[in-house]
Structures are given as structure tokens and as C-alpha cells.
């Protein structure tokens, strides 16, 4: 199920990726029932795309978490 209505896109900013990432994790947790497996605060110093690529190469948990979005939503 694709639910773009759950994200308030007008509140996303390029200057605060940590807030954007936490918002996404909170929406996934509260609205979709997906328990967060990633820690946004630990990744704030990195480019988000770099973080996703790095996590997918180094751990099965983030890959599984992202796969849930792909297969279920």
C-alpha cells in the first residue's frame, strides 16, 4: 500500500535531514506499525543516501527493514 498522504512534505527541509529521517521513522512506527531498526541520530553526520547504501552493505537488519517497505507497501 502506497501512502504518500502520511508524510507532510511541506515540513521537509534540506537543512535538517535528521528531522526528516526521524519523521519518516515515526510515521513508519505510528501509522504503519513498523518498529524502527535504524537510529537517525547516529547517522546525522552522513548524507542520507550514503547511509542507506552503507547500512545495506554492512547489516541484514536495515536491509530487512527497507525490504518490508518494498514488499508490503
Protein backbone atom coordinates (compact mmCIF):
# COMPACT_ATOMS: atom_id res chain seq x y z
CA UNK A 1 0.00 0.00 0.00
CA UNK A 2 1.45 3.34 -1.07
CA UNK A 3 0.60 6.07 1.47
CA UNK A 4 2.15 9.40 0.43
CA UNK A 5 -0.51 11.16 2.49
CA UNK A 6 1.25 10.13 5.71
CA UNK A 7 4.24 12.42 5.12
CA UNK A 8 3.89 16.18 5.45
CA UNK A 9 6.17 17.08 2.55
CA UNK A 10 5.88 20.82 3.18
CA UNK A 11 7.69 20.33 6.51
CA UNK A 12 10.71 18.56 4.99
CA UNK A 13 13.86 20.65 4.65
CA UNK A 14 17.26 20.08 3.10
CA UNK A 15 18.94 21.76 6.06
CA UNK A 16 17.56 19.32 8.65
CA UNK A 17 17.92 15.74 7.39
CA UNK A 18 17.81 14.40 10.95
CA UNK A 19 14.32 15.78 11.46
CA UNK A 20 13.25 14.42 8.07
CA UNK A 21 14.60 10.97 8.86
CA UNK A 22 13.07 10.90 12.34
CA UNK A 23 9.75 11.97 10.80
CA UNK A 24 9.91 9.05 8.38
CA UNK A 25 10.76 6.58 11.16
CA UNK A 26 7.98 7.95 13.37
CA UNK A 27 5.41 7.69 10.58
CA UNK A 28 6.53 4.13 9.83
CA UNK A 29 6.23 3.22 13.50
CA UNK A 30 3.00 5.03 14.40
CA UNK A 31 0.99 4.76 11.20
CA UNK A 32 2.32 1.55 9.63
CA UNK A 33 3.32 -0.44 12.70
CA UNK A 34 6.95 -0.85 11.61
CA UNK A 35 9.30 -0.77 14.58
CA UNK A 36 12.35 1.40 13.85
CA UNK A 37 15.55 -0.60 13.37
CA UNK A 38 17.67 2.40 12.47
CA UNK A 39 18.89 5.29 14.61
CA UNK A 40 18.64 8.65 12.84
CA UNK A 41 20.73 10.47 15.43
CA UNK A 42 23.66 8.14 14.84
CA UNK A 43 23.59 8.90 11.15
CA UNK A 44 23.11 12.67 11.13
CA UNK A 45 26.68 13.41 10.01
CA UNK A 46 26.31 11.46 6.78
CA UNK A 47 24.49 12.01 3.54
CA UNK A 48 21.25 10.03 3.77
CA UNK A 49 21.78 8.13 0.53
CA UNK A 50 25.30 7.21 1.61
CA UNK A 51 23.92 5.96 4.93
CA UNK A 52 21.33 3.76 3.26
CA UNK A 53 23.93 2.25 0.93
CA UNK A 54 26.40 1.74 3.78
CA UNK A 55 23.82 0.13 6.05
CA UNK A 56 22.58 -2.17 3.34
CA UNK A 57 26.14 -3.41 2.75
CA UNK A 58 27.00 -3.89 6.46
CA UNK A 59 23.91 -5.28 8.14
CA UNK A 60 20.95 -7.51 7.45
CA UNK A 61 18.59 -5.60 9.78
CA UNK A 62 18.39 -2.36 7.76
CA UNK A 63 18.12 -4.35 4.54
CA UNK A 64 15.23 -6.30 6.04
CA UNK A 65 13.60 -3.09 7.31
CA UNK A 66 13.78 -1.45 3.88
CA UNK A 67 12.58 -4.66 2.26
CA UNK A 68 9.43 -4.52 4.40
CA UNK A 69 8.55 -1.19 2.79
CA UNK A 70 9.23 -2.59 -0.66
CA UNK A 71 7.18 -5.77 -0.27
CA UNK A 72 4.34 -4.61 2.00
CA UNK A 73 3.77 -1.05 0.88
